[in-house]
Amino acid sequence: MANWSEILNEVSGKGDLDGVRRKYLAALHVVTGRNVIAFYSGWLQKPGLRTPDFEINDAKMTGFMTVINKLDRKLGLDLILHTPGGEINATEALVNYLRYAFDGDIRALIPHQAMSAGTMISLACKTIVMGAHSSLGPIDPQVGGTCPRNFRGVP
C-alpha cells in the first residue's frame, strides 16, 4: 500500500482523485474481502470553516443509502472514518441503519481522527481499528463550535 506522499503524487500526476480513491478502496476490499466505504472530509485543511459538508447530518444518510444499495451485505462493512462529528440525531439514525443493513458486522477504521459523532459511530461498531497516531474525540455537545460551560443536557 502506498503512503500519503505517494498517493498525493499519484493524484497530482493523474489529476484523477476519484479514480485513485477507488483504486485504493478496491485494493483494501481485495485484502479484507469486505465492503469498504470511506467517510471523510477536509475539515483539518480548513480549520476555521464550519460547513455541513464536513459533518455527519441527515443528507449524509441519503449518501450512505445510495452507496450501500447494491453491496453484498453478507460481507460486512469496513467504514473508514475521518470526521469532526456532526448532528446527534443524524448519527443515531445512521448507526441504526448501518447496523441493520450489515447485521452489526461493521468495523471502524480510523486512519487519523473520528471526533464527537464520529466517535459515537466507531463505538457502535463491532470492532475499531486504529493506528498508534489515530484518535477518537470526546462526545460532547457543541454550540457554535464550542461546548457550553453550563450545559446540563437541557435544550
N, C-alpha and C. Protein backbone atom coordinates (compact mmCIF):
# COMPACT_ATOMS: atom_id res chain seq x y z
N MET A 1 0.85 -1.17 0.00
CA MET A 1 0.00 0.00 0.00
C MET A 1 0.90 1.24 0.00
N ALA A 2 0.47 2.24 -0.67
CA ALA A 2 1.24 3.48 -0.78
C ALA A 2 1.11 4.32 0.49
N ASN A 3 2.11 5.18 0.72
CA ASN A 3 1.99 6.13 1.83
C ASN A 3 1.32 7.41 1.31
N TRP A 4 1.06 8.35 2.23
CA TRP A 4 0.29 9.54 1.87
C TRP A 4 0.99 10.36 0.78
N SER A 5 2.30 10.52 0.87
CA SER A 5 3.03 11.29 -0.14
C SER A 5 2.93 10.65 -1.51
N GLU A 6 3.02 9.34 -1.55
CA GLU A 6 2.91 8.62 -2.83
C GLU A 6 1.50 8.78 -3.43
N ILE A 7 0.50 8.74 -2.58
CA ILE A 7 -0.88 8.93 -3.06
C ILE A 7 -1.06 10.34 -3.60
N LEU A 8 -0.55 11.34 -2.89
CA LEU A 8 -0.66 12.72 -3.37
C LEU A 8 0.05 12.89 -4.70
N ASN A 9 1.22 12.29 -4.84
CA ASN A 9 1.94 12.36 -6.12
C ASN A 9 1.14 11.68 -7.23
N GLU A 10 0.51 10.56 -6.91
CA GLU A 10 -0.29 9.85 -7.90
C GLU A 10 -1.50 10.69 -8.34
N VAL A 11 -2.16 11.32 -7.38
CA VAL A 11 -3.30 12.17 -7.69
C VAL A 11 -2.84 13.36 -8.53
N SER A 12 -1.74 13.98 -8.14
CA SER A 12 -1.22 15.14 -8.89
C SER A 12 -0.85 14.75 -10.32
N GLY A 13 -0.24 13.58 -10.46
CA GLY A 13 0.19 13.14 -11.79
C GLY A 13 -0.97 12.79 -12.70
N LYS A 14 -1.99 12.13 -12.16
CA LYS A 14 -3.13 11.70 -12.97
C LYS A 14 -4.23 12.74 -13.03
N GLY A 15 -4.33 13.56 -11.98
CA GLY A 15 -5.42 14.53 -11.92
C GLY A 15 -6.77 13.86 -11.74
N ASP A 16 -6.76 12.64 -11.23
CA ASP A 16 -8.00 11.86 -11.10
C ASP A 16 -8.16 11.39 -9.65
N LEU A 17 -8.55 12.30 -8.78
CA LEU A 17 -8.70 11.98 -7.37
C LEU A 17 -9.66 10.82 -7.15
N ASP A 18 -10.81 10.85 -7.82
CA ASP A 18 -11.81 9.80 -7.63
C ASP A 18 -11.28 8.44 -8.09
N GLY A 19 -10.58 8.41 -9.20
CA GLY A 19 -10.01 7.15 -9.69
C GLY A 19 -8.98 6.57 -8.74
N VAL A 20 -8.13 7.42 -8.19
CA VAL A 20 -7.11 6.96 -7.24
C VAL A 20 -7.78 6.48 -5.96
N ARG A 21 -8.78 7.22 -5.49
CA ARG A 21 -9.53 6.81 -4.28
C ARG A 21 -10.15 5.44 -4.48
N ARG A 22 -10.83 5.26 -5.61
CA ARG A 22 -11.48 3.98 -5.90
C ARG A 22 -10.46 2.84 -5.99
N LYS A 23 -9.31 3.12 -6.56
CA LYS A 23 -8.26 2.11 -6.69
C LYS A 23 -7.84 1.57 -5.31
N TYR A 24 -7.61 2.48 -4.36
CA TYR A 24 -7.15 2.05 -3.04
C TYR A 24 -8.27 1.43 -2.21
N LEU A 25 -9.50 1.89 -2.37
CA LEU A 25 -10.61 1.24 -1.68
C LEU A 25 -10.81 -0.18 -2.22
N ALA A 26 -10.67 -0.35 -3.53
CA ALA A 26 -10.78 -1.69 -4.14
C ALA A 26 -9.65 -2.60 -3.65
N ALA A 27 -8.46 -2.04 -3.51
CA ALA A 27 -7.32 -2.83 -3.02
C ALA A 27 -7.56 -3.29 -1.58
N LEU A 28 -8.14 -2.42 -0.77
CA LEU A 28 -8.47 -2.80 0.61
C LEU A 28 -9.53 -3.89 0.62
N HIS A 29 -10.52 -3.79 -0.27
CA HIS A 29 -11.56 -4.82 -0.38
C HIS A 29 -10.94 -6.18 -0.74
N VAL A 30 -9.97 -6.18 -1.62
CA VAL A 30 -9.31 -7.43 -2.00
C VAL A 30 -8.61 -8.05 -0.80
N VAL A 31 -7.97 -7.23 0.01
CA VAL A 31 -7.24 -7.73 1.19
C VAL A 31 -8.19 -8.26 2.25
N THR A 32 -9.28 -7.52 2.53
CA THR A 32 -10.17 -7.89 3.63
C THR A 32 -11.34 -8.78 3.22
N GLY A 33 -11.74 -8.71 1.93
CA GLY A 33 -12.91 -9.46 1.49
C GLY A 33 -14.21 -8.85 2.00
N ARG A 34 -14.15 -7.58 2.44
CA ARG A 34 -15.32 -6.91 3.00
C ARG A 34 -15.67 -5.69 2.16
N ASN A 35 -16.91 -5.20 2.29
CA ASN A 35 -17.28 -3.93 1.68
C ASN A 35 -16.47 -2.83 2.37
N VAL A 36 -16.11 -1.81 1.60
CA VAL A 36 -15.35 -0.69 2.15
C VAL A 36 -16.00 0.62 1.74
N ILE A 37 -16.28 1.46 2.72
CA ILE A 37 -16.79 2.80 2.47
C ILE A 37 -15.89 3.78 3.23
N ALA A 38 -15.53 4.87 2.59
CA ALA A 38 -14.75 5.91 3.25
C ALA A 38 -15.65 7.12 3.48
N PHE A 39 -15.71 7.58 4.72
CA PHE A 39 -16.42 8.81 5.06
C PHE A 39 -15.39 9.76 5.64
N TYR A 40 -15.05 10.78 4.87
CA TYR A 40 -14.01 11.71 5.31
C TYR A 40 -14.31 13.09 4.74
N SER A 41 -13.65 14.09 5.32
CA SER A 41 -13.80 15.45 4.81
C SER A 41 -12.49 16.18 5.00
N GLY A 42 -12.39 17.36 4.40
CA GLY A 42 -11.18 18.17 4.51
C GLY A 42 -11.22 19.14 5.67
N TRP A 43 -11.88 18.77 6.75
CA TRP A 43 -12.07 19.69 7.86
C TRP A 43 -10.77 20.14 8.51
N LEU A 44 -9.72 19.35 8.48
CA LEU A 44 -8.46 19.78 9.09
C LEU A 44 -7.68 20.73 8.18
N GLN A 45 -7.96 20.69 6.87
CA GLN A 45 -7.29 21.60 5.95
C GLN A 45 -7.91 22.99 5.99
N LYS A 46 -9.13 23.10 6.49
CA LYS A 46 -9.83 24.38 6.56
C LYS A 46 -10.40 24.56 7.97
N PRO A 47 -9.52 24.71 8.97
CA PRO A 47 -9.97 24.68 10.36
C PRO A 47 -10.95 25.77 10.77
N GLY A 48 -10.94 26.93 10.13
CA GLY A 48 -11.85 28.00 10.52
C GLY A 48 -13.21 27.91 9.85
N LEU A 49 -13.36 26.99 8.93
CA LEU A 49 -14.58 26.90 8.15
C LEU A 49 -15.51 25.84 8.72
N ARG A 50 -16.70 26.25 9.10
CA ARG A 50 -17.72 25.30 9.57
C ARG A 50 -18.76 25.18 8.47
N THR A 51 -18.91 23.98 7.96
CA THR A 51 -19.85 23.77 6.87
C THR A 51 -20.51 22.41 7.04
N PRO A 52 -21.77 22.29 6.67
CA PRO A 52 -22.45 20.99 6.75
C PRO A 52 -21.78 19.91 5.89
N ASP A 53 -21.00 20.33 4.88
CA ASP A 53 -20.32 19.35 4.04
C ASP A 53 -19.30 18.54 4.82
N PHE A 54 -18.78 19.09 5.89
CA PHE A 54 -17.76 18.40 6.69
C PHE A 54 -18.36 17.47 7.73
N GLU A 55 -19.63 17.62 8.04
CA GLU A 55 -20.21 16.97 9.20
C GLU A 55 -21.22 15.87 8.85
N ILE A 56 -21.46 15.02 9.83
CA ILE A 56 -22.50 14.00 9.72
C ILE A 56 -23.84 14.69 9.92
N ASN A 57 -24.72 14.56 8.93
CA ASN A 57 -26.04 15.18 9.02
C ASN A 57 -27.04 14.32 8.25
N ASP A 58 -28.28 14.75 8.22
CA ASP A 58 -29.32 13.95 7.56
C ASP A 58 -29.04 13.70 6.09
N ALA A 59 -28.42 14.66 5.42
CA ALA A 59 -28.12 14.48 4.00
C ALA A 59 -27.13 13.34 3.78
N LYS A 60 -26.28 13.09 4.75
CA LYS A 60 -25.30 12.01 4.61
C LYS A 60 -25.98 10.64 4.62
N MET A 61 -27.12 10.53 5.30
CA MET A 61 -27.88 9.28 5.33
C MET A 61 -28.26 8.87 3.91
N THR A 62 -28.72 9.82 3.12
CA THR A 62 -29.07 9.54 1.73
C THR A 62 -27.86 9.04 0.96
N GLY A 63 -26.71 9.67 1.20
CA GLY A 63 -25.48 9.23 0.55
C GLY A 63 -25.12 7.81 0.92
N PHE A 64 -25.19 7.48 2.21
CA PHE A 64 -24.89 6.11 2.65
C PHE A 64 -25.86 5.11 2.03
N MET A 65 -27.14 5.46 2.01
CA MET A 65 -28.13 4.54 1.44
C MET A 65 -27.86 4.29 -0.04
N THR A 66 -27.46 5.33 -0.75
CA THR A 66 -27.14 5.19 -2.17
C THR A 66 -25.93 4.28 -2.38
N VAL A 67 -24.90 4.49 -1.58
CA VAL A 67 -23.67 3.70 -1.71
C VAL A 67 -23.91 2.24 -1.33
N ILE A 68 -24.67 2.00 -0.30
CA ILE A 68 -24.89 0.65 0.22
C ILE A 68 -25.88 -0.15 -0.62
N ASN A 69 -26.70 0.52 -1.40
CA ASN A 69 -27.80 -0.09 -2.12
C ASN A 69 -27.48 -1.43 -2.76
N LYS A 70 -26.40 -1.54 -3.51
CA LYS A 70 -26.12 -2.78 -4.25
C LYS A 70 -24.97 -3.59 -3.68
N LEU A 71 -24.57 -3.30 -2.45
CA LEU A 71 -23.48 -4.07 -1.84
C LEU A 71 -23.99 -5.42 -1.35
N ASP A 72 -23.10 -6.40 -1.31
CA ASP A 72 -23.41 -7.69 -0.73
C ASP A 72 -23.27 -7.54 0.79
N ARG A 73 -24.37 -7.39 1.45
CA ARG A 73 -24.36 -7.07 2.88
C ARG A 73 -23.84 -8.22 3.75
N LYS A 74 -23.78 -9.41 3.19
CA LYS A 74 -23.24 -10.55 3.96
C LYS A 74 -21.74 -10.43 4.18
N LEU A 75 -21.07 -9.57 3.41
CA LEU A 75 -19.63 -9.40 3.54
C LEU A 75 -19.23 -8.50 4.71
N GLY A 76 -20.20 -7.85 5.34
CA GLY A 76 -19.87 -6.91 6.40
C GLY A 76 -19.41 -5.59 5.80
N LEU A 77 -19.00 -4.67 6.68
CA LEU A 77 -18.61 -3.34 6.24
C LEU A 77 -17.38 -2.86 6.98
N ASP A 78 -16.40 -2.39 6.23
CA ASP A 78 -15.28 -1.65 6.80
C ASP A 78 -15.55 -0.18 6.52
N LEU A 79 -15.71 0.60 7.57
CA LEU A 79 -16.06 2.01 7.45
C LEU A 79 -14.86 2.86 7.86
N ILE A 80 -14.24 3.49 6.87
CA ILE A 80 -13.10 4.37 7.13
C ILE A 80 -13.67 5.73 7.53
N LEU A 81 -13.33 6.18 8.73
CA LEU A 81 -13.89 7.42 9.26
C LEU A 81 -12.80 8.46 9.52
N HIS A 82 -13.01 9.66 9.03
CA HIS A 82 -12.18 10.82 9.36
C HIS A 82 -13.15 12.00 9.36
N THR A 83 -13.62 12.37 10.54
CA THR A 83 -14.71 13.34 10.63
C THR A 83 -14.64 14.16 11.91
N PRO A 84 -15.09 15.41 11.85
CA PRO A 84 -15.16 16.22 13.06
C PRO A 84 -16.40 15.90 13.89
N GLY A 85 -17.32 15.10 13.34
CA GLY A 85 -18.56 14.76 14.04
C GLY A 85 -19.75 15.29 13.29
N GLY A 86 -20.77 15.66 14.04
CA GLY A 86 -21.98 16.16 13.40
C GLY A 86 -23.17 16.10 14.33
N GLU A 87 -24.32 16.01 13.73
CA GLU A 87 -25.58 16.06 14.47
C GLU A 87 -25.90 14.71 15.12
N ILE A 88 -26.31 14.76 16.38
CA ILE A 88 -26.55 13.54 17.14
C ILE A 88 -27.72 12.72 16.57
N ASN A 89 -28.80 13.35 16.17
CA ASN A 89 -29.95 12.61 15.63
C ASN A 89 -29.59 11.93 14.32
N ALA A 90 -28.85 12.62 13.47
CA ALA A 90 -28.42 12.03 12.20
C ALA A 90 -27.46 10.88 12.45
N THR A 91 -26.60 11.02 13.45
CA THR A 91 -25.64 9.97 13.78
C THR A 91 -26.37 8.73 14.28
N GLU A 92 -27.34 8.91 15.16
CA GLU A 92 -28.11 7.78 15.67
C GLU A 92 -28.84 7.06 14.54
N ALA A 93 -29.45 7.82 13.65
CA ALA A 93 -30.16 7.22 12.53
C ALA A 93 -29.21 6.47 11.61
N LEU A 94 -28.04 7.04 11.36
CA LEU A 94 -27.05 6.39 10.51
C LEU A 94 -26.55 5.10 11.13
N VAL A 95 -26.25 5.13 12.41
CA VAL A 95 -25.79 3.92 13.12
C VAL A 95 -26.86 2.84 13.06
N ASN A 96 -28.10 3.20 13.35
CA ASN A 96 -29.19 2.21 13.30
C ASN A 96 -29.33 1.61 11.91
N TYR A 97 -29.24 2.44 10.89
CA TYR A 97 -29.35 1.96 9.51
C TYR A 97 -28.21 1.01 9.17
N LEU A 98 -26.97 1.40 9.47
CA LEU A 98 -25.81 0.56 9.15
C LEU A 98 -25.84 -0.77 9.91
N ARG A 99 -26.18 -0.70 11.19
CA ARG A 99 -26.23 -1.95 11.99
C ARG A 99 -27.30 -2.90 11.46
N TYR A 100 -28.43 -2.36 11.04
CA TYR A 100 -29.49 -3.18 10.45
C TYR A 100 -29.03 -3.75 9.11
N ALA A 101 -28.46 -2.89 8.27
CA ALA A 101 -28.08 -3.30 6.92
C ALA A 101 -27.00 -4.38 6.92
N PHE A 102 -26.08 -4.32 7.88
CA PHE A 102 -24.96 -5.27 7.90
C PHE A 102 -25.02 -6.22 9.10
N ASP A 103 -26.18 -6.34 9.70
CA ASP A 103 -26.40 -7.23 10.83
C ASP A 103 -25.33 -7.04 11.91
N GLY A 104 -24.94 -5.80 12.13
CA GLY A 104 -23.97 -5.46 13.17
C GLY A 104 -22.52 -5.74 12.81
N ASP A 105 -22.26 -6.28 11.63
CA ASP A 105 -20.89 -6.64 11.24
C ASP A 105 -20.20 -5.44 10.59
N ILE A 106 -19.84 -4.47 11.43
CA ILE A 106 -19.21 -3.24 10.96
C ILE A 106 -17.90 -3.05 11.71
N ARG A 107 -16.88 -2.72 10.96
CA ARG A 107 -15.56 -2.44 11.54
C ARG A 107 -15.20 -1.00 11.20
N ALA A 108 -14.91 -0.20 12.23
CA ALA A 108 -14.49 1.18 12.03
C ALA A 108 -12.97 1.20 11.86
N LEU A 109 -12.52 1.87 10.81
CA LEU A 109 -11.09 2.06 10.57
C LEU A 109 -10.82 3.55 10.73
N ILE A 110 -9.99 3.90 11.69
CA ILE A 110 -9.72 5.31 11.99
C ILE A 110 -8.27 5.62 11.61
N PRO A 111 -8.05 6.15 10.40
CA PRO A 111 -6.68 6.44 10.00
C PRO A 111 -6.09 7.65 10.72
N HIS A 112 -6.95 8.59 11.14
CA HIS A 112 -6.43 9.78 11.81
C HIS A 112 -7.33 10.19 12.97
N GLN A 113 -8.49 10.79 12.69
CA GLN A 113 -9.37 11.24 13.77
C GLN A 113 -10.83 11.01 13.44
N ALA A 114 -11.56 10.56 14.45
CA ALA A 114 -13.03 10.49 14.40
C ALA A 114 -13.51 11.16 15.67
N MET A 115 -14.01 12.35 15.54
CA MET A 115 -14.39 13.14 16.70
C MET A 115 -15.89 13.12 16.93
N SER A 116 -16.28 13.34 18.17
CA SER A 116 -17.67 13.54 18.57
C SER A 116 -18.61 12.48 17.97
N ALA A 117 -19.42 12.84 16.99
CA ALA A 117 -20.34 11.88 16.38
C ALA A 117 -19.56 10.76 15.67
N GLY A 118 -18.36 11.06 15.18
CA GLY A 118 -17.51 10.01 14.59
C GLY A 118 -17.10 8.99 15.64
N THR A 119 -16.86 9.45 16.85
CA THR A 119 -16.57 8.55 17.97
C THR A 119 -17.79 7.69 18.27
N MET A 120 -18.97 8.30 18.26
CA MET A 120 -20.20 7.54 18.52
C MET A 120 -20.39 6.44 17.49
N ILE A 121 -20.15 6.75 16.21
CA ILE A 121 -20.27 5.73 15.17
C ILE A 121 -19.26 4.62 15.43
N SER A 122 -18.03 4.98 15.74
CA SER A 122 -16.99 3.99 16.00
C SER A 122 -17.38 3.05 17.14
N LEU A 123 -17.89 3.63 18.21
CA LEU A 123 -18.26 2.83 19.38
C LEU A 123 -19.45 1.91 19.11
N ALA A 124 -20.23 2.22 18.09
CA ALA A 124 -21.37 1.37 17.73
C ALA A 124 -20.95 0.21 16.82
N CYS A 125 -19.70 0.21 16.39
CA CYS A 125 -19.20 -0.85 15.51
C CYS A 125 -18.76 -2.06 16.31
N LYS A 126 -18.67 -3.19 15.64
CA LYS A 126 -18.24 -4.44 16.28
C LYS A 126 -16.76 -4.37 16.67
N THR A 127 -15.96 -3.70 15.82
CA THR A 127 -14.52 -3.59 16.03
C THR A 127 -14.07 -2.20 15.62
N ILE A 128 -13.04 -1.69 16.31
CA ILE A 128 -12.41 -0.42 15.94
C ILE A 128 -10.94 -0.71 15.68
N VAL A 129 -10.45 -0.29 14.52
CA VAL A 129 -9.05 -0.46 14.17
C VAL A 129 -8.44 0.94 14.06
N MET A 130 -7.37 1.16 14.85
CA MET A 130 -6.72 2.47 14.87
C MET A 130 -5.21 2.28 14.81
N GLY A 131 -4.53 3.30 14.28
CA GLY A 131 -3.07 3.32 14.33
C GLY A 131 -2.62 3.95 15.63
N ALA A 132 -1.31 3.90 15.88
CA ALA A 132 -0.77 4.49 17.11
C ALA A 132 -1.03 5.99 17.17
N HIS A 133 -1.15 6.64 16.03
CA HIS A 133 -1.35 8.09 15.96
C HIS A 133 -2.84 8.47 15.83
N SER A 134 -3.71 7.52 15.68
CA SER A 134 -5.14 7.79 15.49
C SER A 134 -5.78 8.21 16.80
N SER A 135 -6.92 8.90 16.70
CA SER A 135 -7.61 9.29 17.93
C SER A 135 -9.11 9.40 17.73
N LEU A 136 -9.80 9.10 18.81
CA LEU A 136 -11.24 9.35 18.92
C LEU A 136 -11.38 10.57 19.80
N GLY A 137 -12.48 11.28 19.65
CA GLY A 137 -12.66 12.50 20.43
C GLY A 137 -13.76 12.36 21.45
N PRO A 138 -13.92 13.38 22.26
CA PRO A 138 -14.98 13.36 23.26
C PRO A 138 -16.35 13.45 22.61
N ILE A 139 -17.33 12.93 23.30
CA ILE A 139 -18.72 13.03 22.85
C ILE A 139 -19.34 14.12 23.70
N ASP A 140 -19.32 15.33 23.17
CA ASP A 140 -19.82 16.46 23.94
C ASP A 140 -20.67 17.35 23.05
N PRO A 141 -21.62 18.04 23.66
CA PRO A 141 -22.48 18.92 22.86
C PRO A 141 -21.67 20.12 22.37
N GLN A 142 -21.94 20.54 21.16
CA GLN A 142 -21.25 21.69 20.58
C GLN A 142 -22.29 22.74 20.17
N VAL A 143 -22.01 23.97 20.52
CA VAL A 143 -22.86 25.09 20.10
C VAL A 143 -21.92 26.12 19.49
N GLY A 144 -22.01 26.29 18.19
CA GLY A 144 -21.13 27.24 17.53
C GLY A 144 -19.67 26.84 17.60
N GLY A 145 -19.39 25.54 17.69
CA GLY A 145 -18.03 25.05 17.70
C GLY A 145 -17.41 24.92 19.09
N THR A 146 -18.16 25.30 20.14
CA THR A 146 -17.62 25.15 21.49
C THR A 146 -18.64 24.45 22.37
N CYS A 147 -18.16 23.86 23.43
CA CYS A 147 -19.03 23.19 24.39
C CYS A 147 -19.53 24.22 25.40
N PRO A 148 -20.83 24.33 25.57
CA PRO A 148 -21.35 25.30 26.54
C PRO A 148 -20.85 24.99 27.95
N ARG A 149 -20.44 26.01 28.67
CA ARG A 149 -19.86 25.84 30.00
C ARG A 149 -20.87 25.25 30.99
N ASN A 150 -22.09 25.69 30.93
CA ASN A 150 -23.10 25.25 31.90
C ASN A 150 -24.08 24.26 31.31
N PHE A 151 -23.61 23.46 30.36
CA PHE A 151 -24.52 22.50 29.73
C PHE A 151 -24.98 21.45 30.72
N ARG A 152 -26.28 21.29 30.86
CA ARG A 152 -26.84 20.29 31.77
C ARG A 152 -27.71 19.31 31.03
N GLY A 153 -27.57 19.23 29.71
CA GLY A 153 -28.38 18.29 28.95
C GLY A 153 -29.78 18.81 28.67
N VAL A 154 -30.03 20.09 28.97
CA VAL A 154 -31.34 20.68 28.73
C VAL A 154 -31.24 21.57 27.50
N PRO A 155 -32.11 21.39 26.51
CA PRO A 155 -32.05 22.21 25.29
C PRO A 155 -32.29 23.68 25.57
